[in-house]
Amino acid sequence: MISLAKGLMEGTDWEGKFLTSYEWMKACTQNPDLFTPCQAKSHEDHCAEWLSAQNINDWFDNHKDYLIQHEFVIDKPGLICEC
């Protein structure tokens, strides 16, 4: 938003006369619901949610053809790892 405001003022009478940091602060204080997430989640929460069994199974189901084509997995039952 700050870059957008700077770009809009470039080459106009307002260039150098208007603080974009003030504009950003004003926008945040007047519209806290738009700029402050109501349910902020930590990185660890996102990781824990993504690593649920269903999400992992969905990911492998959606990428199965790619994994088989590049020989990361074999499309048959058997050993998990050959050493």
C-alpha atoms as a PDB file:
ATOM      1  CA  MET A   1       0.000   0.000   0.000  1.00  0.00           C
ATOM      2  CA  ILE A   2       2.886   2.346   0.772  1.00  0.00           C
ATOM      3  CA  SER A   3       4.479   1.669  -2.621  1.00  0.00           C
ATOM      4  CA  LEU A   4       1.150   2.249  -4.322  1.00  0.00           C
ATOM      5  CA  ALA A   5       0.718   5.604  -2.578  1.00  0.00           C
ATOM      6  CA  LYS A   6       4.259   6.642  -3.517  1.00  0.00           C
ATOM      7  CA  GLY A   7       3.599   5.691  -7.135  1.00  0.00           C
ATOM      8  CA  LEU A   8       0.327   7.613  -7.236  1.00  0.00           C
ATOM      9  CA  MET A   9       1.978  10.775  -5.913  1.00  0.00           C
ATOM     10  CA  GLU A  10       5.052  10.627  -8.145  1.00  0.00           C
ATOM     11  CA  GLY A  11       5.147  13.547 -10.539  1.00  0.00           C
ATOM     12  CA  THR A  12       2.291  15.391  -8.808  1.00  0.00           C
ATOM     13  CA  ASP A  13       2.190  18.403  -6.503  1.00  0.00           C
ATOM     14  CA  TRP A  14       1.982  15.995  -3.527  1.00  0.00           C
ATOM     15  CA  GLU A  15       5.350  14.353  -4.214  1.00  0.00           C
ATOM     16  CA  GLY A  16       7.622  14.864  -1.201  1.00  0.00           C
ATOM     17  CA  LYS A  17       4.863  16.579   0.824  1.00  0.00           C
ATOM     18  CA  PHE A  18       2.939  13.538   2.040  1.00  0.00           C
ATOM     19  CA  LEU A  19       4.234  10.857   4.416  1.00  0.00           C
ATOM     20  CA  THR A  20       3.199   7.434   3.181  1.00  0.00           C
ATOM     21  CA  SER A  21       4.012   5.967   6.604  1.00  0.00           C
ATOM     22  CA  TYR A  22       1.330   8.286   8.039  1.00  0.00           C
ATOM     23  CA  GLU A  23      -1.118   7.085   5.402  1.00  0.00           C
ATOM     24  CA  TRP A  24      -0.391   3.455   6.338  1.00  0.00           C
ATOM     25  CA  MET A  25      -0.777   4.132  10.077  1.00  0.00           C
ATOM     26  CA  LYS A  26      -4.038   5.995   9.486  1.00  0.00           C
ATOM     27  CA  ALA A  27      -5.432   3.172   7.322  1.00  0.00           C
ATOM     28  CA  CYS A  28      -4.564   0.586   9.985  1.00  0.00           C
ATOM     29  CA  THR A  29      -6.130   2.564  12.833  1.00  0.00           C
ATOM     30  CA  GLN A  30      -9.302   3.419  10.903  1.00  0.00           C
ATOM     31  CA  ASN A  31      -9.795  -0.133   9.574  1.00  0.00           C
ATOM     32  CA  PRO A  32      -8.403  -2.560  12.178  1.00  0.00           C
ATOM     33  CA  ASP A  33     -10.640  -5.388  10.937  1.00  0.00           C
ATOM     34  CA  LEU A  34      -8.962  -5.253   7.515  1.00  0.00           C
ATOM     35  CA  PHE A  35      -5.356  -5.104   8.692  1.00  0.00           C
ATOM     36  CA  THR A  36      -5.399  -7.204  11.871  1.00  0.00           C
ATOM     37  CA  PRO A  37      -6.241 -10.884  11.471  1.00  0.00           C
ATOM     38  CA  CYS A  38      -8.891 -11.986  13.924  1.00  0.00           C
ATOM     39  CA  GLN A  39      -7.449 -15.491  14.194  1.00  0.00           C
ATOM     40  CA  ALA A  40      -3.723 -15.140  13.699  1.00  0.00           C
ATOM     41  CA  LYS A  41      -1.978 -18.495  13.707  1.00  0.00           C
ATOM     42  CA  SER A  42       1.635 -19.234  14.432  1.00  0.00           C
ATOM     43  CA  HIS A  43       3.894 -21.034  11.996  1.00  0.00           C
ATOM     44  CA  GLU A  44       3.806 -24.119  14.230  1.00  0.00           C
ATOM     45  CA  ASP A  45      -0.012 -24.185  14.115  1.00  0.00           C
ATOM     46  CA  HIS A  46       0.007 -24.076  10.303  1.00  0.00           C
ATOM     47  CA  CYS A  47       2.556 -26.906  10.174  1.00  0.00           C
ATOM     48  CA  ALA A  48       0.581 -29.035  12.626  1.00  0.00           C
ATOM     49  CA  GLU A  49      -2.613 -28.551  10.627  1.00  0.00           C
ATOM     50  CA  TRP A  50      -0.932 -29.356   7.321  1.00  0.00           C
ATOM     51  CA  LEU A  51       0.652 -32.505   8.695  1.00  0.00           C
ATOM     52  CA  SER A  52      -2.660 -34.173   9.474  1.00  0.00           C
ATOM     53  CA  ALA A  53      -3.008 -37.647   7.969  1.00  0.00           C
ATOM     54  CA  GLN A  54      -5.808 -36.515   5.647  1.00  0.00           C
ATOM     55  CA  ASN A  55      -3.794 -33.597   4.222  1.00  0.00           C
ATOM     56  CA  ILE A  56      -0.770 -35.819   3.617  1.00  0.00           C
ATOM     57  CA  ASN A  57      -2.931 -38.454   1.914  1.00  0.00           C
ATOM     58  CA  ASP A  58      -4.597 -35.778  -0.235  1.00  0.00           C
ATOM     59  CA  TRP A  59      -1.192 -34.406  -1.261  1.00  0.00           C
ATOM     60  CA  PHE A  60       0.094 -37.838  -2.289  1.00  0.00           C
ATOM     61  CA  ASP A  61      -3.150 -38.634  -4.134  1.00  0.00           C
ATOM     62  CA  ASN A  62      -2.878 -35.380  -6.110  1.00  0.00           C
ATOM     63  CA  HIS A  63       0.819 -35.892  -6.917  1.00  0.00           C
ATOM     64  CA  LYS A  64       0.858 -39.659  -7.376  1.00  0.00           C
ATOM     65  CA  ASP A  65       1.394 -39.597 -11.157  1.00  0.00           C
ATOM     66  CA  TYR A  66       4.355 -37.210 -10.842  1.00  0.00           C
ATOM     67  CA  LEU A  67       5.956 -39.294  -8.086  1.00  0.00           C
ATOM     68  CA  ILE A  68       5.581 -42.502 -10.132  1.00  0.00           C
ATOM     69  CA  GLN A  69       6.807 -40.885 -13.354  1.00  0.00           C
ATOM     70  CA  HIS A  70       9.987 -39.621 -11.666  1.00  0.00           C
ATOM     71  CA  GLU A  71      10.474 -42.966  -9.860  1.00  0.00           C
ATOM     72  CA  PHE A  72      10.153 -41.591  -6.340  1.00  0.00           C
ATOM     73  CA  VAL A  73       7.549 -44.293  -5.644  1.00  0.00           C
ATOM     74  CA  ILE A  74       6.399 -47.550  -7.255  1.00  0.00           C
ATOM     75  CA  ASP A  75       2.710 -48.182  -7.892  1.00  0.00           C
ATOM     76  CA  LYS A  76       2.548 -51.614  -6.292  1.00  0.00           C
ATOM     77  CA  PRO A  77       2.420 -52.954  -2.755  1.00  0.00           C
ATOM     78  CA  GLY A  78       5.693 -53.981  -1.186  1.00  0.00           C
ATOM     79  CA  LEU A  79       8.561 -52.706   0.887  1.00  0.00           C
ATOM     80  CA  ILE A  80       8.616 -49.090   1.955  1.00  0.00           C
ATOM     81  CA  CYS A  81      12.375 -48.810   1.476  1.00  0.00           C
ATOM     82  CA  GLU A  82      15.025 -50.960  -0.126  1.00  0.00           C
ATOM     83  CA  CYS A  83      18.437 -50.507   1.444  1.00  0.00           C
END
